[in-house]
């Protein structure tokens, strides 16, 4: 694979001589950023030779503990892997007091081959499979998030924060303009930061619960760049929130009684002759029909990717805007696969299954893999839903963590499309996390059972 050149770093530093430090990080299988802080004089070497990081960095659970079953710790002597900067991702980290830049890394083996556990390579694999068919995915990723009170969060509680004017949101109030105005100092800084970072941040929405927002990222003709955008955007939102004395969370379900936060993947396909193979006068072109068919057929086995954590499964409730079964419809948000309305040339597919806590690289890889599966095998979609996508439909997706992991482990589709090495490591980490999570005794256990059992 072609790495970024030293000239990119030299040009950036020449244009930004005030930079004091550079955060160099990769995204692990669980979606957590891990890396090092470099000084400007170190960055040229990183571009030329890579920056060494221990292979065990790709074996960690959400809390940073080794999952020994991955085979990436003692069997490897926790040896280093060279991690190279990704071209086009050296940019500002504008939320810091000290002038700071950041750059995304990807990991390689000593022989130059892609490290199997690096999620960027899983996405590269699925993009390549579509490109081998003469198809180019055009992608945008939408991420919902909550702002919560920092003092309460430090004590383990989730509470909507007060805005700078002293008012705290307390009602559902979907699309409320007042919330956008109340939190405008934070939101303006996010947009300013996005502009400085080169992120295509566009429409801003106050979502379905107090303190919940969404900023739309524009479509990219480069699917990998769209996933990089999502990763950088999450860092920006969290960083700016911290500067404003807030906590921004992308956990899937921070409040039991309110809506969860989703990651919606918008995708269409282009080829050498058409900029949008999903566009047509009718609702479904052949490519779009087969894409839906493939995503429906692979949705159950993909749930462990789309909902990778224990909290992820708290989103999936009737009338929650999160799906219970594979289905599709035109301009209908009660189904997991929504074909957009509007002018034919703008038509695309909105995949609405993932939580905001999903790893953008792995989630997008799995969506694109499902599309490729449908096109390769000419899988036909189900009949479209009309009206309520929840009404009278049986829940057929695996809607708890251990069942989703069991279904994913039995899949032949996932290892074939994303890579057997990657999927084994990803599922091994998540299986260990699941076991560790349910070994904990929670406050709810005590509340329910201490006196009643």
Protein backbone atom coordinates (compact mmCIF):
# COMPACT_ATOMS: atom_id res chain seq x y z
CA UNK A 1 0.00 0.00 0.00
CA UNK A 2 1.15 3.56 -0.72
CA UNK A 3 1.97 5.60 2.39
CA UNK A 4 1.76 9.35 2.84
CA UNK A 5 4.96 11.20 1.96
CA UNK A 6 7.27 13.26 4.17
CA UNK A 7 6.47 16.26 1.97
CA UNK A 8 2.90 16.31 3.29
CA UNK A 9 4.20 16.71 6.84
CA UNK A 10 6.83 19.27 5.84
CA UNK A 11 4.27 21.37 3.95
CA UNK A 12 1.82 21.25 6.87
CA UNK A 13 4.41 22.32 9.43
CA UNK A 14 5.72 25.06 7.14
CA UNK A 15 2.18 26.44 6.85
CA UNK A 16 1.57 26.01 10.60
CA UNK A 17 4.86 26.80 12.39
CA UNK A 18 3.01 27.36 15.68
CA UNK A 19 2.28 23.62 16.09
CA UNK A 20 3.84 22.30 19.31
CA UNK A 21 2.67 18.69 19.26
CA UNK A 22 1.06 16.10 16.99
CA UNK A 23 -1.35 13.43 18.24
CA UNK A 24 -0.68 10.31 16.17
CA UNK A 25 -3.34 7.66 16.71
CA UNK A 26 -4.98 4.60 15.25
CA UNK A 27 -8.45 3.25 15.88
CA UNK A 28 -8.56 -0.16 17.56
CA UNK A 29 -11.19 -2.83 16.75
CA UNK A 30 -13.55 -1.44 19.41
CA UNK A 31 -13.33 2.07 17.92
CA UNK A 32 -11.10 3.59 20.62
CA UNK A 33 -8.33 6.00 19.58
CA UNK A 34 -4.91 4.91 20.87
CA UNK A 35 -1.48 6.31 20.05
CA UNK A 36 1.24 8.78 21.01
CA UNK A 37 1.94 12.50 21.13
CA UNK A 38 4.91 13.49 18.94
CA UNK A 39 6.94 16.66 18.66
CA UNK A 40 7.17 18.31 15.23
CA UNK A 41 10.79 17.21 14.79
CA UNK A 42 9.68 13.55 15.09
CA UNK A 43 7.00 13.57 12.45
CA UNK A 44 9.23 13.21 9.36
CA UNK A 45 10.60 9.93 10.71
CA UNK A 46 7.07 8.67 11.31
CA UNK A 47 6.18 9.37 7.69
CA UNK A 48 9.37 7.75 6.40
CA UNK A 49 9.72 4.69 8.63
CA UNK A 50 6.43 4.46 10.50
CA UNK A 51 5.90 4.95 14.20
CA UNK A 52 6.22 1.74 16.24
CA UNK A 53 3.27 0.73 18.39
CA UNK A 54 2.92 -2.60 20.22
CA UNK A 55 0.80 -5.22 18.45
CA UNK A 56 -1.21 -5.69 21.65
CA UNK A 57 -2.80 -2.28 21.03
CA UNK A 58 -5.17 -4.14 18.70
CA UNK A 59 -6.08 -6.70 21.41
CA UNK A 60 -7.59 -4.36 23.99
CA UNK A 61 -11.14 -4.28 25.26
CA UNK A 62 -13.10 -1.05 25.78
CA UNK A 63 -11.36 -0.48 29.12
CA UNK A 64 -7.88 -1.01 27.68
CA UNK A 65 -7.32 -4.47 29.18
CA UNK A 66 -5.55 -7.15 27.13
CA UNK A 67 -7.65 -9.92 25.64
CA UNK A 68 -5.08 -12.68 25.72
CA UNK A 69 -7.21 -14.99 23.58
CA UNK A 70 -6.44 -12.84 20.53
CA UNK A 71 -2.89 -14.20 20.44
CA UNK A 72 -1.53 -10.65 20.10
CA UNK A 73 0.17 -10.37 23.49
CA UNK A 74 2.56 -13.00 24.84
CA UNK A 75 2.67 -15.16 21.70
CA UNK A 76 4.04 -12.12 19.86
CA UNK A 77 6.18 -10.91 22.75
CA UNK A 78 4.11 -7.72 22.47
CA UNK A 79 6.37 -6.74 19.59
CA UNK A 80 6.02 -3.49 17.68
CA UNK A 81 4.33 -2.91 14.35
CA UNK A 82 5.18 0.07 12.15
CA UNK A 83 2.21 2.45 11.95
CA UNK A 84 2.22 4.94 9.09
CA UNK A 85 0.35 8.25 8.80
CA UNK A 86 -2.66 8.15 6.49
CA UNK A 87 -2.42 10.55 3.57
CA UNK A 88 -4.64 13.60 3.93
CA UNK A 89 -5.37 13.17 7.65
CA UNK A 90 -2.69 15.45 9.12
CA UNK A 91 -4.82 18.29 10.40
CA UNK A 92 -5.45 20.57 13.36
CA UNK A 93 -6.84 19.49 16.73
CA UNK A 94 -8.35 22.94 17.40
CA UNK A 95 -9.84 22.29 20.83
CA UNK A 96 -6.44 22.30 22.58
CA UNK A 97 -4.92 25.30 24.37
CA UNK A 98 -1.47 24.26 23.11
CA UNK A 99 -1.31 24.43 19.28
CA UNK A 100 -1.86 20.81 18.36
CA UNK A 101 -2.17 18.76 15.19
CA UNK A 102 -3.37 15.19 14.75
CA UNK A 103 -2.88 12.42 12.22
CA UNK A 104 -4.51 9.03 11.71
CA UNK A 105 -2.21 5.99 11.63
CA UNK A 106 -2.70 2.56 10.12
CA UNK A 107 -0.73 -0.52 11.12
CA UNK A 108 1.37 -2.85 8.98
CA UNK A 109 3.33 -6.04 9.53
CA UNK A 110 7.12 -6.01 9.31
CA UNK A 111 6.93 -7.40 5.76
CA UNK A 112 4.75 -4.46 4.70
CA UNK A 113 1.48 -6.38 4.57
CA UNK A 114 -1.59 -4.93 6.31
CA UNK A 115 -1.97 -5.82 9.98
CA UNK A 116 -5.05 -8.11 10.10
CA UNK A 117 -6.48 -6.52 13.26
CA UNK A 118 -6.44 -2.93 11.97
CA UNK A 119 -10.06 -1.99 11.14
CA UNK A 120 -9.00 0.39 8.35
CA UNK A 121 -7.72 -2.62 6.42
CA UNK A 122 -11.07 -4.40 6.85
CA UNK A 123 -12.76 -1.43 5.21
CA UNK A 124 -10.13 -1.28 2.48
CA UNK A 125 -10.86 -4.94 1.73
CA UNK A 126 -14.59 -4.37 1.19
CA UNK A 127 -14.04 -1.21 -0.86
CA UNK A 128 -11.62 -3.17 -3.05
CA UNK A 129 -14.20 -5.93 -3.58
CA UNK A 130 -16.69 -3.38 -4.91
CA UNK A 131 -14.06 -1.70 -7.05
CA UNK A 132 -13.20 -5.10 -8.56
CA UNK A 133 -16.83 -5.16 -9.73
CA UNK A 134 -16.38 -1.72 -11.32
CA UNK A 135 -18.34 -0.02 -8.54
CA UNK A 136 -17.41 2.96 -6.38
CA UNK A 137 -19.25 3.63 -3.12
CA UNK A 138 -20.26 7.21 -2.32
CA UNK A 139 -20.74 7.52 1.43
CA UNK A 140 -21.71 9.85 4.26
CA UNK A 141 -21.90 8.98 7.95
CA UNK A 142 -24.31 10.73 10.35
CA UNK A 143 -23.63 10.51 14.06
CA UNK A 144 -26.01 11.50 16.83
CA UNK A 145 -24.61 12.44 20.23
CA UNK A 146 -25.68 13.72 23.63
CA UNK A 147 -24.27 16.55 25.69
CA UNK A 148 -24.37 15.74 29.40
CA UNK A 149 -23.47 17.55 32.60
CA UNK A 150 -19.79 17.07 33.42
CA UNK A 151 -20.08 17.13 37.22
CA UNK A 152 -22.86 14.55 37.17
CA UNK A 153 -20.92 12.38 34.69
CA UNK A 154 -17.88 12.43 37.00
CA UNK A 155 -20.15 10.90 39.66
CA UNK A 156 -21.47 8.25 37.29
CA UNK A 157 -24.80 9.93 36.50
CA UNK A 158 -26.17 11.13 33.18
CA UNK A 159 -28.00 14.47 33.36
CA UNK A 160 -28.75 17.04 30.63
CA UNK A 161 -26.43 20.05 30.98
CA UNK A 162 -27.33 23.67 31.47
CA UNK A 163 -26.66 25.88 28.47
CA UNK A 164 -24.49 28.98 28.90
CA UNK A 165 -27.65 31.04 29.48
CA UNK A 166 -28.49 28.85 32.49
CA UNK A 167 -31.38 26.92 30.95
CA UNK A 168 -31.15 23.12 30.81
CA UNK A 169 -33.19 21.17 28.23
CA UNK A 170 -35.82 19.09 30.00
CA UNK A 171 -38.27 17.93 27.33
CA UNK A 172 -38.13 15.85 24.15
CA UNK A 173 -38.72 18.82 21.83
CA UNK A 174 -37.47 17.27 18.58
CA UNK A 175 -35.99 19.78 16.11
CA UNK A 176 -36.34 22.61 18.63
CA UNK A 177 -34.61 25.75 17.37
CA UNK A 178 -34.31 27.11 20.92
CA UNK A 179 -31.92 24.29 21.85
CA UNK A 180 -29.69 25.20 18.90
CA UNK A 181 -29.64 28.80 20.04
CA UNK A 182 -29.06 27.94 23.71
CA UNK A 183 -26.03 25.78 22.88
CA UNK A 184 -24.79 27.94 20.01
CA UNK A 185 -21.42 28.76 21.64
CA UNK A 186 -20.54 25.05 21.68
CA UNK A 187 -22.08 24.33 18.27
CA UNK A 188 -20.39 27.31 16.61
CA UNK A 189 -17.02 26.12 17.89
CA UNK A 190 -17.71 22.66 16.46
CA UNK A 191 -18.41 24.14 13.04
CA UNK A 192 -15.36 26.41 13.26
CA UNK A 193 -13.22 23.42 14.23
CA UNK A 194 -14.65 21.30 11.42
CA UNK A 195 -13.73 24.01 8.92
CA UNK A 196 -10.18 24.17 10.24
CA UNK A 197 -9.91 20.36 10.09
CA UNK A 198 -11.35 20.10 6.58
CA UNK A 199 -14.43 18.17 7.74
CA UNK A 200 -17.52 18.68 5.55
CA UNK A 201 -19.91 19.50 8.43
CA UNK A 202 -23.27 20.68 7.14
CA UNK A 203 -26.83 20.52 8.54
CA UNK A 204 -27.32 20.84 12.31
CA UNK A 205 -30.32 19.27 14.05
CA UNK A 206 -31.56 19.17 17.62
CA UNK A 207 -32.64 15.56 17.92
CA UNK A 208 -35.30 13.61 19.86
CA UNK A 209 -34.19 14.14 23.46
CA UNK A 210 -32.75 16.81 25.79
CA UNK A 211 -29.17 17.60 24.82
CA UNK A 212 -29.15 15.33 21.75
CA UNK A 213 -27.78 16.72 18.49
CA UNK A 214 -26.71 15.63 15.03
CA UNK A 215 -24.41 17.36 12.56
CA UNK A 216 -24.56 15.94 9.05
CA UNK A 217 -21.31 15.19 7.22
CA UNK A 218 -21.43 15.59 3.44
CA UNK A 219 -21.07 12.61 1.11
CA UNK A 220 -17.59 11.55 0.02
CA UNK A 221 -16.68 9.70 -3.15
CA UNK A 222 -13.91 8.09 -1.07
CA UNK A 223 -15.48 5.64 1.42
CA UNK A 224 -12.33 5.44 3.54
CA UNK A 225 -12.24 9.21 3.84
CA UNK A 226 -15.88 9.20 4.96
CA UNK A 227 -14.97 6.81 7.80
CA UNK A 228 -11.92 8.95 8.65
CA UNK A 229 -14.27 11.96 8.76
CA UNK A 230 -16.47 10.17 11.31
CA UNK A 231 -13.50 9.32 13.53
CA UNK A 232 -12.13 12.87 13.39
CA UNK A 233 -15.59 14.34 13.93
CA UNK A 234 -16.09 12.34 17.14
CA UNK A 235 -12.76 13.61 18.46
CA UNK A 236 -13.71 17.18 17.56
CA UNK A 237 -17.12 17.03 19.27
CA UNK A 238 -15.69 15.49 22.44
CA UNK A 239 -12.78 17.94 22.53
CA UNK A 240 -14.91 21.05 22.00
CA UNK A 241 -17.43 19.84 24.58
CA UNK A 242 -14.66 19.48 27.16
CA UNK A 243 -13.54 23.06 26.49
CA UNK A 244 -17.09 24.19 27.24
CA UNK A 245 -17.26 22.27 30.50
CA UNK A 246 -19.49 19.57 29.00
CA UNK A 247 -19.23 15.88 28.19
CA UNK A 248 -20.22 14.69 24.70
CA UNK A 249 -21.10 11.02 24.54
CA UNK A 250 -21.63 8.72 21.57
CA UNK A 251 -22.79 5.82 23.70
CA UNK A 252 -25.81 4.18 22.13
CA UNK A 253 -28.32 4.66 24.96
CA UNK A 254 -27.40 7.04 27.78
CA UNK A 255 -31.00 7.36 29.04
CA UNK A 256 -33.34 4.40 29.45
CA UNK A 257 -36.46 6.49 28.83
CA UNK A 258 -35.19 8.51 25.85
CA UNK A 259 -34.08 7.81 22.31
CA UNK A 260 -30.72 6.26 21.61
CA UNK A 261 -27.99 7.69 19.39
CA UNK A 262 -27.53 6.13 16.00
CA UNK A 263 -24.91 6.11 13.28
CA UNK A 264 -26.71 6.30 9.96
CA UNK A 265 -24.73 5.28 6.88
CA UNK A 266 -25.81 6.93 3.63
CA UNK A 267 -24.54 5.18 0.52
CA UNK A 268 -24.94 5.05 -3.23
CA UNK A 269 -22.85 3.45 -5.96
CA UNK A 270 -21.20 4.92 -9.05
CA UNK A 271 -19.41 3.35 -11.98
CA UNK A 272 -17.56 4.54 -15.06
CA UNK A 273 -20.72 5.62 -16.82
CA UNK A 274 -23.11 6.69 -14.04
CA UNK A 275 -22.52 8.89 -10.98
CA UNK A 276 -25.41 7.16 -9.17
CA UNK A 277 -26.53 3.62 -9.99
CA UNK A 278 -29.30 3.93 -7.41
CA UNK A 279 -30.93 6.81 -9.32
CA UNK A 280 -33.96 6.14 -11.49
CA UNK A 281 -37.54 7.12 -12.12
CA UNK A 282 -38.88 4.15 -10.14
CA UNK A 283 -37.97 3.50 -6.50
CA UNK A 284 -35.49 0.67 -7.16
CA UNK A 285 -32.88 0.25 -9.84
CA UNK A 286 -31.36 -3.27 -10.15
CA UNK A 287 -28.27 -2.24 -8.19
CA UNK A 288 -30.34 -0.69 -5.42
CA UNK A 289 -32.69 -3.68 -5.25
CA UNK A 290 -29.81 -6.13 -4.92
CA UNK A 291 -28.05 -3.89 -2.40
CA UNK A 292 -31.15 -3.94 -0.20
CA UNK A 293 -31.50 -7.68 -0.65
CA UNK A 294 -27.92 -8.26 0.44
CA UNK A 295 -28.22 -6.00 3.47
CA UNK A 296 -31.43 -7.71 4.55
CA UNK A 297 -29.90 -11.17 4.11
CA UNK A 298 -26.78 -10.34 6.13
CA UNK A 299 -28.27 -8.06 8.80
CA UNK A 300 -28.67 -10.67 11.56
CA UNK A 301 -25.10 -11.93 11.35
CA UNK A 302 -23.82 -8.34 11.19
CA UNK A 303 -25.52 -7.17 14.40
CA UNK A 304 -22.39 -7.78 16.52
CA UNK A 305 -20.66 -5.15 14.37
CA UNK A 306 -23.55 -2.69 14.22
CA UNK A 307 -24.21 -3.03 17.98
CA UNK A 308 -20.80 -3.92 19.46
CA UNK A 309 -21.37 -3.24 23.18
CA UNK A 310 -23.74 -4.23 25.98
CA UNK A 311 -25.33 -0.78 26.01
CA UNK A 312 -25.86 -0.97 22.22
CA UNK A 313 -28.79 -3.35 22.61
CA UNK A 314 -30.79 -0.99 24.80
CA UNK A 315 -31.63 0.99 21.62
CA UNK A 316 -33.62 -1.81 20.06
CA UNK A 317 -37.18 -1.32 21.27
CA UNK A 318 -40.47 -1.02 19.44
CA UNK A 319 -41.19 2.51 18.15
CA UNK A 320 -37.64 3.58 18.98
CA UNK A 321 -36.31 4.40 15.48
CA UNK A 322 -34.02 1.36 15.89
CA UNK A 323 -34.94 -1.83 13.99
CA UNK A 324 -36.15 -5.19 15.25
CA UNK A 325 -36.15 -7.04 11.91
CA UNK A 326 -34.77 -6.61 8.37
CA UNK A 327 -37.03 -4.42 6.24
CA UNK A 328 -36.94 -1.56 3.78
CA UNK A 329 -39.21 1.23 2.57
CA UNK A 330 -39.18 4.49 0.68
CA UNK A 331 -38.86 7.60 2.87
CA UNK A 332 -39.80 5.74 6.06
CA UNK A 333 -37.77 5.99 9.28
CA UNK A 334 -39.48 3.05 10.99
CA UNK A 335 -37.40 0.56 8.98
CA UNK A 336 -33.66 -0.20 9.02
CA UNK A 337 -33.13 0.42 5.29
CA UNK A 338 -34.61 3.69 4.05
CA UNK A 339 -34.58 4.64 0.38
CA UNK A 340 -34.59 8.41 0.24
CA UNK A 341 -37.17 10.40 -1.68
CA UNK A 342 -36.46 13.55 -3.64
CA UNK A 343 -35.00 14.03 -7.10
CA UNK A 344 -33.95 10.73 -8.75
CA UNK A 345 -30.32 11.79 -9.10
CA UNK A 346 -30.06 12.25 -5.31
CA UNK A 347 -31.51 8.84 -4.44
CA UNK A 348 -29.46 6.78 -2.01
CA UNK A 349 -29.85 4.22 0.75
CA UNK A 350 -29.83 5.14 4.44
CA UNK A 351 -28.72 2.26 6.67
CA UNK A 352 -30.20 2.96 10.12
CA UNK A 353 -29.10 -0.04 12.21
CA UNK A 354 -25.81 1.03 13.82
CA UNK A 355 -25.49 2.73 17.16
CA UNK A 356 -23.28 5.80 17.45
CA UNK A 357 -20.91 3.59 19.47
CA UNK A 358 -20.07 1.37 16.48
CA UNK A 359 -16.58 1.52 14.98
CA UNK A 360 -17.06 3.61 11.80
CA UNK A 361 -14.52 1.58 9.81
CA UNK A 362 -15.97 -1.81 10.72
CA UNK A 363 -19.60 -0.70 10.44
CA UNK A 364 -19.06 0.83 7.01
CA UNK A 365 -17.05 -2.19 5.89
CA UNK A 366 -19.94 -4.45 6.87
CA UNK A 367 -22.57 -2.29 5.15
CA UNK A 368 -20.53 -2.25 1.93
CA UNK A 369 -19.92 -5.99 2.24
CA UNK A 370 -23.67 -6.60 2.49
CA UNK A 371 -24.23 -4.49 -0.61
CA UNK A 372 -21.54 -6.40 -2.50
CA UNK A 373 -23.06 -9.71 -1.39
CA UNK A 374 -26.45 -8.70 -2.72
CA UNK A 375 -25.09 -7.52 -6.06
CA UNK A 376 -22.82 -10.54 -6.53
CA UNK A 377 -25.62 -13.02 -5.78
CA UNK A 378 -28.48 -10.91 -7.18
CA UNK A 379 -30.40 -11.20 -3.92
CA UNK A 380 -33.92 -9.87 -4.21
CA UNK A 381 -35.30 -7.58 -1.48
CA UNK A 382 -38.43 -8.24 0.56
CA UNK A 383 -41.64 -6.39 -0.22
CA UNK A 384 -41.43 -2.76 0.89
CA UNK A 385 -43.03 -1.74 4.16
CA UNK A 386 -45.92 0.67 3.93
CA UNK A 387 -46.65 2.70 7.05
CA UNK A 388 -45.56 1.42 10.48
CA UNK A 389 -42.44 -0.73 10.18
CA UNK A 390 -42.99 -2.06 13.71
CA UNK A 391 -46.66 -3.00 13.40
CA UNK A 392 -47.27 -6.75 13.37
CA UNK A 393 -43.65 -7.62 12.56
CA UNK A 394 -41.80 -10.29 14.50
CA UNK A 395 -38.42 -9.34 15.98
CA UNK A 396 -35.99 -11.58 14.07
CA UNK A 397 -32.67 -9.83 14.67
CA UNK A 398 -30.48 -11.01 17.58
CA UNK A 399 -31.28 -8.29 20.10
CA UNK A 400 -28.93 -9.14 22.95
CA UNK A 401 -25.15 -9.08 22.99
CA UNK A 402 -24.32 -12.74 23.52
CA UNK A 403 -26.80 -13.92 20.88
CA UNK A 404 -25.47 -11.43 18.33
CA UNK A 405 -21.92 -12.63 18.99
CA UNK A 406 -23.01 -16.24 18.61
CA UNK A 407 -24.69 -15.52 15.26
CA UNK A 408 -21.67 -13.53 14.03
CA UNK A 409 -19.27 -16.30 15.06
CA UNK A 410 -21.20 -18.78 12.89
CA UNK A 411 -21.14 -16.43 9.87
CA UNK A 412 -19.19 -17.30 6.74
CA UNK A 413 -20.04 -13.95 5.12
CA UNK A 414 -18.18 -11.73 7.64
CA UNK A 415 -14.77 -13.45 7.56
CA UNK A 416 -14.97 -13.81 3.79
CA UNK A 417 -15.68 -10.12 3.24
CA UNK A 418 -13.84 -8.39 6.11
CA UNK A 419 -11.02 -10.91 6.49
CA UNK A 420 -10.89 -14.03 8.65
CA UNK A 421 -8.03 -12.67 10.75
CA UNK A 422 -9.79 -9.41 11.51
CA UNK A 423 -13.15 -10.98 12.33
CA UNK A 424 -11.61 -13.57 14.63
CA UNK A 425 -9.79 -10.86 16.60
CA UNK A 426 -12.83 -8.55 16.67
CA UNK A 427 -15.18 -11.27 17.90
CA UNK A 428 -12.65 -12.64 20.38
CA UNK A 429 -12.34 -9.19 21.96
CA UNK A 430 -16.10 -8.71 22.08
CA UNK A 431 -16.71 -12.20 23.50
CA UNK A 432 -14.21 -11.46 26.28
CA UNK A 433 -15.86 -8.08 26.92
CA UNK A 434 -19.29 -9.69 27.09
CA UNK A 435 -18.07 -12.22 29.63
CA UNK A 436 -16.37 -9.51 31.72
CA UNK A 437 -19.40 -7.21 31.58
CA UNK A 438 -21.88 -9.80 32.80
CA UNK A 439 -19.49 -10.94 35.53
CA UNK A 440 -19.92 -7.50 37.14
CA UNK A 441 -22.58 -7.00 39.80
CA UNK A 442 -24.36 -3.74 39.01
CA UNK A 443 -26.42 -1.34 41.10
CA UNK A 444 -29.49 -2.68 39.29
CA UNK A 445 -28.66 -6.21 40.51
CA UNK A 446 -28.60 -4.98 44.08
CA UNK A 447 -31.75 -2.89 43.67
CA UNK A 448 -33.74 -5.73 42.14
CA UNK A 449 -32.51 -8.75 44.05
CA UNK A 450 -30.86 -7.86 47.37
CA UNK A 451 -34.11 -7.96 49.35
CA UNK A 452 -36.50 -9.54 46.87
CA UNK A 453 -34.68 -12.74 45.97
